[in-house]
Amino acid sequence: LSASVAHELNTPLAVLNGSVEKLIETTTDQPTLDRLARIQRVTQRLRTISESLIDFSTVRSQKNEPVPVRELIQDAWELVTIDARAAGITFTNHVAEDAVVQGNPDRLAQVFVNLLRNAMNAFDPPSGHTAGGHIDVRSRSTRRTGREGIAIAVEDNGPGIPAEVLPEIFDAFVSTRLDAHGTGLGLTVAHGIVTQHVGFISASNRKEGGACLEVWLPSPPSTPSSALS
């Protein structure tokens, strides 16, 4: 199923990318060029996600590198805000400027796109009413299984996760509430990617109301700064 979906996506994405390139050649208006450049970045990100769907059931070798978390979260939110349902939802990125994890930036972006989209869908998805919805992303340094890492929490002020869904929220095709607008694979894919990064992901309800999905990822190994430049 994942491979079929990926192949179906690749053709329209190629057409979209080609159309954007032609539009860039026909205008000198800077605001328009900026928007087109953003569409190009999004298209490339979608193509990368499409490629990763093909590998959904397999563990492939991937290029890991130090990834700045705050920038990663901001890029993921920009992808999510393309969806009209983002209207009326406010977002705050509280992630520390110096928070860095070890991983593949494109695959980790896919994780947080899924988590942010699910948080967005918490706000009365049937009617599309999103007024008053807010999403916060926070980070903290914490040690787990004897290794330093960063815990990144995606929090919303929605109705929370139903008790009957919480135990199976990362299972495939669970489409109740959180994945109601998708295939039911979003959180399963996120769980798989995080696990491949030797990380952990958990879901809970907040005392203040709403849901919290937290991802722990390892920090980069101690390396001389010259090796990272």
C-alpha atoms as a PDB file:
ATOM      1  CA  LEU A   1       0.000   0.000   0.000  1.00  0.00           C
ATOM      2  CA  SER A   2       2.778   2.418   0.958  1.00  0.00           C
ATOM      3  CA  ALA A   3       4.720   1.728  -2.247  1.00  0.00           C
ATOM      4  CA  SER A   4       1.583   2.147  -4.376  1.00  0.00           C
ATOM      5  CA  VAL A   5       0.727   5.468  -2.739  1.00  0.00           C
ATOM      6  CA  ALA A   6       4.304   6.687  -3.198  1.00  0.00           C
ATOM      7  CA  HIS A   7       4.360   5.836  -6.903  1.00  0.00           C
ATOM      8  CA  GLU A   8       0.979   7.519  -7.397  1.00  0.00           C
ATOM      9  CA  LEU A   9       2.306  10.685  -5.737  1.00  0.00           C
ATOM     10  CA  ASN A  10       5.545  10.888  -7.693  1.00  0.00           C
ATOM     11  CA  THR A  11       3.987  11.791 -11.050  1.00  0.00           C
ATOM     12  CA  PRO A  12       1.868  14.768  -9.912  1.00  0.00           C
ATOM     13  CA  LEU A  13       4.762  15.974  -7.753  1.00  0.00           C
ATOM     14  CA  ALA A  14       7.052  15.938 -10.791  1.00  0.00           C
ATOM     15  CA  VAL A  15       4.450  17.884 -12.795  1.00  0.00           C
ATOM     16  CA  LEU A  16       4.058  20.387  -9.960  1.00  0.00           C
ATOM     17  CA  ASN A  17       7.798  20.907  -9.669  1.00  0.00           C
ATOM     18  CA  GLY A  18       8.139  21.421 -13.419  1.00  0.00           C
ATOM     19  CA  SER A  19       5.281  23.919 -13.459  1.00  0.00           C
ATOM     20  CA  VAL A  20       6.840  25.920 -10.629  1.00  0.00           C
ATOM     21  CA  GLU A  21      10.179  26.035 -12.452  1.00  0.00           C
ATOM     22  CA  LYS A  22       8.454  27.453 -15.550  1.00  0.00           C
ATOM     23  CA  LEU A  23       6.615  30.052 -13.460  1.00  0.00           C
ATOM     24  CA  ILE A  24       9.895  31.172 -11.903  1.00  0.00           C
ATOM     25  CA  GLU A  25      11.217  31.886 -15.396  1.00  0.00           C
ATOM     26  CA  THR A  26       8.241  34.121 -16.225  1.00  0.00           C
ATOM     27  CA  THR A  27       8.325  36.602 -13.332  1.00  0.00           C
ATOM     28  CA  THR A  28      10.711  39.033 -11.685  1.00  0.00           C
ATOM     29  CA  ASP A  29       8.350  39.988  -8.855  1.00  0.00           C
ATOM     30  CA  GLN A  30      10.256  39.198  -5.656  1.00  0.00           C
ATOM     31  CA  PRO A  31       7.262  38.310  -3.414  1.00  0.00           C
ATOM     32  CA  THR A  32       6.036  35.929  -6.113  1.00  0.00           C
ATOM     33  CA  LEU A  33       9.500  34.398  -6.458  1.00  0.00           C
ATOM     34  CA  ASP A  34       9.649  33.910  -2.688  1.00  0.00           C
ATOM     35  CA  ARG A  35       6.304  32.065  -2.709  1.00  0.00           C
ATOM     36  CA  LEU A  36       7.363  29.901  -5.627  1.00  0.00           C
ATOM     37  CA  ALA A  37      10.644  29.070  -3.884  1.00  0.00           C
ATOM     38  CA  ARG A  38       8.664  27.961  -0.837  1.00  0.00           C
ATOM     39  CA  ILE A  39       6.469  25.741  -3.025  1.00  0.00           C
ATOM     40  CA  GLN A  40       9.621  24.213  -4.496  1.00  0.00           C
ATOM     41  CA  ARG A  41      10.963  23.432  -1.026  1.00  0.00           C
ATOM     42  CA  VAL A  42       7.651  21.882  -0.018  1.00  0.00           C
ATOM     43  CA  THR A  43       7.521  19.820  -3.212  1.00  0.00           C
ATOM     44  CA  GLN A  44      11.000  18.476  -2.583  1.00  0.00           C
ATOM     45  CA  ARG A  45      10.051  17.607   0.989  1.00  0.00           C
ATOM     46  CA  LEU A  46       6.980  15.750  -0.282  1.00  0.00           C
ATOM     47  CA  ARG A  47       9.095  13.821  -2.750  1.00  0.00           C
ATOM     48  CA  THR A  48      11.414  12.815   0.086  1.00  0.00           C
ATOM     49  CA  ILE A  49       8.441  11.674   2.162  1.00  0.00           C
ATOM     50  CA  SER A  50       7.127   9.756  -0.837  1.00  0.00           C
ATOM     51  CA  GLU A  51      10.443   7.945  -1.143  1.00  0.00           C
ATOM     52  CA  SER A  52      10.375   7.044   2.552  1.00  0.00           C
ATOM     53  CA  LEU A  53       6.924   5.475   2.150  1.00  0.00           C
ATOM     54  CA  ILE A  54       8.470   2.883  -0.145  1.00  0.00           C
ATOM     55  CA  ASP A  55      10.731   1.891   2.738  1.00  0.00           C
ATOM     56  CA  PHE A  56       7.917   1.863   5.301  1.00  0.00           C
ATOM     57  CA  SER A  57       8.317  -1.830   6.142  1.00  0.00           C
ATOM     58  CA  THR A  58      12.101  -1.979   5.946  1.00  0.00           C
ATOM     59  CA  VAL A  59      14.954  -0.483   7.896  1.00  0.00           C
ATOM     60  CA  ARG A  60      17.295   1.212   5.452  1.00  0.00           C
ATOM     61  CA  SER A  61      20.638   2.830   6.075  1.00  0.00           C
ATOM     62  CA  GLN A  62      20.244   6.567   6.303  1.00  0.00           C
ATOM     63  CA  LYS A  63      22.555   9.520   6.575  1.00  0.00           C
ATOM     64  CA  ASN A  64      22.438  10.821  10.125  1.00  0.00           C
ATOM     65  CA  GLU A  65      23.791  14.193  11.146  1.00  0.00           C
ATOM     66  CA  PRO A  66      23.331  16.815  13.880  1.00  0.00           C
ATOM     67  CA  VAL A  67      19.879  18.361  13.395  1.00  0.00           C
ATOM     68  CA  PRO A  68      18.881  21.710  15.015  1.00  0.00           C
ATOM     69  CA  VAL A  69      15.496  20.973  16.565  1.00  0.00           C
ATOM     70  CA  ARG A  70      14.017  24.477  16.577  1.00  0.00           C
ATOM     71  CA  GLU A  71      14.557  24.885  12.832  1.00  0.00           C
ATOM     72  CA  LEU A  72      13.227  21.367  12.235  1.00  0.00           C
ATOM     73  CA  ILE A  73       9.990  22.168  14.081  1.00  0.00           C
ATOM     74  CA  GLN A  74       9.568  25.489  12.265  1.00  0.00           C
ATOM     75  CA  ASP A  75       9.983  23.834   8.870  1.00  0.00           C
ATOM     76  CA  ALA A  76       7.454  21.150   9.820  1.00  0.00           C
ATOM     77  CA  TRP A  77       4.902  23.766  10.899  1.00  0.00           C
ATOM     78  CA  GLU A  78       5.292  25.635   7.598  1.00  0.00           C
ATOM     79  CA  LEU A  79       4.403  22.412   5.793  1.00  0.00           C
ATOM     80  CA  VAL A  80       1.368  21.881   8.016  1.00  0.00           C
ATOM     81  CA  THR A  81       0.047  25.428   7.559  1.00  0.00           C
ATOM     82  CA  ILE A  82      -0.510  24.779   3.863  1.00  0.00           C
ATOM     83  CA  ASP A  83      -3.629  22.922   5.038  1.00  0.00           C
ATOM     84  CA  ALA A  84      -6.662  25.229   5.281  1.00  0.00           C
ATOM     85  CA  ARG A  85      -7.547  23.685   8.647  1.00  0.00           C
ATOM     86  CA  ALA A  86      -4.580  25.538  10.148  1.00  0.00           C
ATOM     87  CA  ALA A  87      -6.564  28.794   9.934  1.00  0.00           C
ATOM     88  CA  GLY A  88      -7.479  30.026  13.396  1.00  0.00           C
ATOM     89  CA  ILE A  89      -4.873  27.883  15.158  1.00  0.00           C
ATOM     90  CA  THR A  90      -1.969  29.632  16.848  1.00  0.00           C
ATOM     91  CA  PHE A  91       1.447  28.039  17.207  1.00  0.00           C
ATOM     92  CA  THR A  92       4.409  28.729  19.465  1.00  0.00           C
ATOM     93  CA  ASN A  93       7.831  27.174  19.035  1.00  0.00           C
ATOM     94  CA  HIS A  94       9.433  27.111  22.503  1.00  0.00           C
ATOM     95  CA  VAL A  95      12.300  24.828  21.466  1.00  0.00           C
ATOM     96  CA  ALA A  96      15.688  25.985  22.742  1.00  0.00           C
ATOM     97  CA  GLU A  97      18.014  27.491  20.150  1.00  0.00           C
ATOM     98  CA  ASP A  98      20.815  25.124  21.128  1.00  0.00           C
ATOM     99  CA  ALA A  99      18.734  21.919  21.072  1.00  0.00           C
ATOM    100  CA  VAL A 100      20.353  19.470  18.627  1.00  0.00           C
ATOM    101  CA  VAL A 101      19.632  15.777  17.966  1.00  0.00           C
ATOM    102  CA  GLN A 102      21.305  13.122  15.848  1.00  0.00           C
ATOM    103  CA  GLY A 103      19.259  11.932  12.900  1.00  0.00           C
ATOM    104  CA  ASN A 104      18.113  12.270   9.330  1.00  0.00           C
ATOM    105  CA  PRO A 105      16.515  15.720   8.924  1.00  0.00           C
ATOM    106  CA  ASP A 106      14.045  14.728   6.200  1.00  0.00           C
ATOM    107  CA  ARG A 107      12.741  11.685   8.065  1.00  0.00           C
ATOM    108  CA  LEU A 108      12.523  13.591  11.350  1.00  0.00           C
ATOM    109  CA  ALA A 109      10.607  16.358   9.560  1.00  0.00           C
ATOM    110  CA  GLN A 110       8.096  13.689   8.541  1.00  0.00           C
ATOM    111  CA  VAL A 111       7.673  12.729  12.212  1.00  0.00           C
ATOM    112  CA  PHE A 112       6.856  16.244  13.332  1.00  0.00           C
ATOM    113  CA  VAL A 113       4.651  17.023  10.340  1.00  0.00           C
ATOM    114  CA  ASN A 114       2.536  14.049  11.403  1.00  0.00           C
ATOM    115  CA  LEU A 115       2.475  15.086  15.061  1.00  0.00           C
ATOM    116  CA  LEU A 116       1.618  18.709  14.281  1.00  0.00           C
ATOM    117  CA  ARG A 117      -1.073  17.717  11.803  1.00  0.00           C
ATOM    118  CA  ASN A 118      -2.645  15.423  14.375  1.00  0.00           C
ATOM    119  CA  ALA A 119      -2.579  18.198  16.962  1.00  0.00           C
ATOM    120  CA  MET A 120      -4.242  20.494  14.441  1.00  0.00           C
ATOM    121  CA  ASN A 121      -6.934  17.911  13.715  1.00  0.00           C
ATOM    122  CA  ALA A 122      -7.873  17.871  17.395  1.00  0.00           C
ATOM    123  CA  PHE A 123      -9.802  21.110  17.018  1.00  0.00           C
ATOM    124  CA  ASP A 124     -13.345  20.167  15.980  1.00  0.00           C
ATOM    125  CA  PRO A 125     -12.367  18.635  12.613  1.00  0.00           C
ATOM    126  CA  PRO A 126     -15.920  17.822  11.423  1.00  0.00           C
ATOM    127  CA  SER A 127     -17.011  21.464  11.312  1.00  0.00           C
ATOM    128  CA  GLY A 128     -13.598  22.923  10.592  1.00  0.00           C
ATOM    129  CA  HIS A 129     -13.978  25.257  13.583  1.00  0.00           C
ATOM    130  CA  THR A 130     -10.495  25.974  14.925  1.00  0.00           C
ATOM    131  CA  ALA A 131     -10.887  29.300  16.767  1.00  0.00           C
ATOM    132  CA  GLY A 132      -8.993  29.263  20.051  1.00  0.00           C
ATOM    133  CA  GLY A 133      -6.877  26.275  19.103  1.00  0.00           C
ATOM    134  CA  HIS A 134      -3.252  26.488  20.179  1.00  0.00           C
ATOM    135  CA  ILE A 135      -0.253  24.229  19.659  1.00  0.00           C
ATOM    136  CA  ASP A 136       2.978  24.491  21.647  1.00  0.00           C
ATOM    137  CA  VAL A 137       6.215  22.633  21.041  1.00  0.00           C
ATOM    138  CA  ARG A 138       8.703  22.480  23.910  1.00  0.00           C
ATOM    139  CA  SER A 139      12.064  20.829  24.415  1.00  0.00           C
ATOM    140  CA  ARG A 140      14.147  19.722  27.370  1.00  0.00           C
ATOM    141  CA  SER A 141      17.473  17.989  27.743  1.00  0.00           C
ATOM    142  CA  THR A 142      17.086  14.634  29.446  1.00  0.00           C
ATOM    143  CA  ARG A 143      19.016  11.413  29.851  1.00  0.00           C
ATOM    144  CA  ARG A 144      17.445   8.102  28.856  1.00  0.00           C
ATOM    145  CA  THR A 145      18.860   4.572  28.837  1.00  0.00           C
ATOM    146  CA  GLY A 146      22.210   6.025  29.834  1.00  0.00           C
ATOM    147  CA  ARG A 147      22.363   8.428  26.887  1.00  0.00           C
ATOM    148  CA  GLU A 148      21.943  12.183  26.601  1.00  0.00           C
ATOM    149  CA  GLY A 149      19.079  13.383  24.419  1.00  0.00           C
ATOM    150  CA  ILE A 150      16.329  15.894  23.788  1.00  0.00           C
ATOM    151  CA  ALA A 151      12.658  15.351  24.588  1.00  0.00           C
ATOM    152  CA  ILE A 152      10.379  17.307  22.223  1.00  0.00           C
ATOM    153  CA  ALA A 153       6.749  17.657  23.305  1.00  0.00           C
ATOM    154  CA  VAL A 154       3.951  18.626  20.904  1.00  0.00           C
ATOM    155  CA  GLU A 155       1.031  19.895  23.015  1.00  0.00           C
ATOM    156  CA  ASP A 156      -2.444  21.091  22.079  1.00  0.00           C
ATOM    157  CA  ASN A 157      -5.374  22.498  24.050  1.00  0.00           C
ATOM    158  CA  GLY A 158      -7.963  20.319  22.337  1.00  0.00           C
ATOM    159  CA  PRO A 159     -10.255  17.707  23.915  1.00  0.00           C
ATOM    160  CA  GLY A 160      -7.468  15.187  24.535  1.00  0.00           C
ATOM    161  CA  ILE A 161      -7.074  11.578  23.424  1.00  0.00           C
ATOM    162  CA  PRO A 162     -10.030   9.253  24.122  1.00  0.00           C
ATOM    163  CA  ALA A 163      -9.163   6.652  26.766  1.00  0.00           C
ATOM    164  CA  GLU A 164     -10.016   3.770  24.434  1.00  0.00           C
ATOM    165  CA  VAL A 165      -7.651   5.091  21.728  1.00  0.00           C
ATOM    166  CA  LEU A 166      -4.641   5.925  23.906  1.00  0.00           C
ATOM    167  CA  PRO A 167      -3.275   2.350  24.332  1.00  0.00           C
ATOM    168  CA  GLU A 168      -3.288   1.684  20.566  1.00  0.00           C
ATOM    169  CA  ILE A 169      -2.557   5.149  19.234  1.00  0.00           C
ATOM    170  CA  PHE A 170       0.615   4.083  17.389  1.00  0.00           C
ATOM    171  CA  ASP A 171      -0.982   1.018  15.781  1.00  0.00           C
ATOM    172  CA  ALA A 172      -1.597   1.063  12.020  1.00  0.00           C
ATOM    173  CA  PHE A 173      -4.965   2.245  10.696  1.00  0.00           C
ATOM    174  CA  VAL A 174      -6.181   3.681  14.003  1.00  0.00           C
ATOM    175  CA  SER A 175      -8.174   6.579  12.532  1.00  0.00           C
ATOM    176  CA  THR A 176     -10.285   7.602  15.532  1.00  0.00           C
ATOM    177  CA  ARG A 177      -9.975  11.310  16.258  1.00  0.00           C
ATOM    178  CA  LEU A 178      -6.254  11.991  15.844  1.00  0.00           C
ATOM    179  CA  ASP A 179      -5.910  10.531  12.357  1.00  0.00           C
ATOM    180  CA  ALA A 180      -9.481  11.120  11.233  1.00  0.00           C
ATOM    181  CA  HIS A 181      -8.360  13.158   8.200  1.00  0.00           C
ATOM    182  CA  GLY A 182      -5.758  10.665   6.989  1.00  0.00           C
ATOM    183  CA  THR A 183      -5.029   7.019   6.391  1.00  0.00           C
ATOM    184  CA  GLY A 184      -4.490   6.065  10.018  1.00  0.00           C
ATOM    185  CA  LEU A 185      -0.789   5.523   9.265  1.00  0.00           C
ATOM    186  CA  GLY A 186       0.592   8.901  10.343  1.00  0.00           C
ATOM    187  CA  LEU A 187       1.459   8.046  13.929  1.00  0.00           C
ATOM    188  CA  THR A 188       2.544   4.526  12.962  1.00  0.00           C
ATOM    189  CA  VAL A 189       5.043   5.982  10.481  1.00  0.00           C
ATOM    190  CA  ALA A 190       6.215   8.484  13.109  1.00  0.00           C
ATOM    191  CA  HIS A 191       6.705   5.673  15.629  1.00  0.00           C
ATOM    192  CA  GLY A 192       8.704   3.635  13.118  1.00  0.00           C
ATOM    193  CA  ILE A 193      11.000   6.529  12.202  1.00  0.00           C
ATOM    194  CA  VAL A 194      11.625   7.446  15.833  1.00  0.00           C
ATOM    195  CA  THR A 195      12.408   3.811  16.675  1.00  0.00           C
ATOM    196  CA  GLN A 196      14.877   3.631  13.772  1.00  0.00           C
ATOM    197  CA  HIS A 197      16.588   6.674  15.310  1.00  0.00           C
ATOM    198  CA  VAL A 198      16.962   4.758  18.594  1.00  0.00           C
ATOM    199  CA  GLY A 199      14.425   7.133  20.095  1.00  0.00           C
ATOM    200  CA  PHE A 200      11.147   6.888  21.973  1.00  0.00           C
ATOM    201  CA  ILE A 201       7.679   8.304  21.413  1.00  0.00           C
ATOM    202  CA  SER A 202       4.773   8.452  23.851  1.00  0.00           C
ATOM    203  CA  ALA A 203       1.284   9.928  24.058  1.00  0.00           C
ATOM    204  CA  SER A 204      -0.639  11.243  27.046  1.00  0.00           C
ATOM    205  CA  ASN A 205      -3.335  13.694  28.072  1.00  0.00           C
ATOM    206  CA  ARG A 206      -2.380  16.934  29.795  1.00  0.00           C
ATOM    207  CA  LYS A 207      -3.736  17.884  33.216  1.00  0.00           C
ATOM    208  CA  GLU A 208      -4.623  21.293  31.756  1.00  0.00           C
ATOM    209  CA  GLY A 209      -6.591  19.618  28.963  1.00  0.00           C
ATOM    210  CA  GLY A 210      -5.496  18.545  25.516  1.00  0.00           C
ATOM    211  CA  ALA A 211      -2.955  16.009  24.336  1.00  0.00           C
ATOM    212  CA  CYS A 212       0.814  15.717  24.496  1.00  0.00           C
ATOM    213  CA  LEU A 213       2.920  13.599  22.148  1.00  0.00           C
ATOM    214  CA  GLU A 214       6.545  13.505  23.192  1.00  0.00           C
ATOM    215  CA  VAL A 215       9.523  12.332  21.177  1.00  0.00           C
ATOM    216  CA  TRP A 216      12.909  11.600  22.731  1.00  0.00           C
ATOM    217  CA  LEU A 217      15.886  11.588  20.366  1.00  0.00           C
ATOM    218  CA  PRO A 218      19.572  11.096  21.140  1.00  0.00           C
ATOM    219  CA  SER A 219      22.014  13.983  21.118  1.00  0.00           C
ATOM    220  CA  PRO A 220      24.898  13.909  18.630  1.00  0.00           C
ATOM    221  CA  PRO A 221      27.966  12.006  19.835  1.00  0.00           C
ATOM    222  CA  SER A 222      30.673  14.130  21.372  1.00  0.00           C
ATOM    223  CA  THR A 223      32.677  15.324  18.386  1.00  0.00           C
ATOM    224  CA  PRO A 224      35.310  18.050  18.023  1.00  0.00           C
ATOM    225  CA  SER A 225      33.667  21.195  16.651  1.00  0.00           C
ATOM    226  CA  SER A 226      35.953  21.172  13.610  1.00  0.00           C
ATOM    227  CA  ALA A 227      34.418  17.873  12.496  1.00  0.00           C
ATOM    228  CA  LEU A 228      30.955  19.418  12.418  1.00  0.00           C
ATOM    229  CA  SER A 229      31.849  22.490  10.379  1.00  0.00           C
END
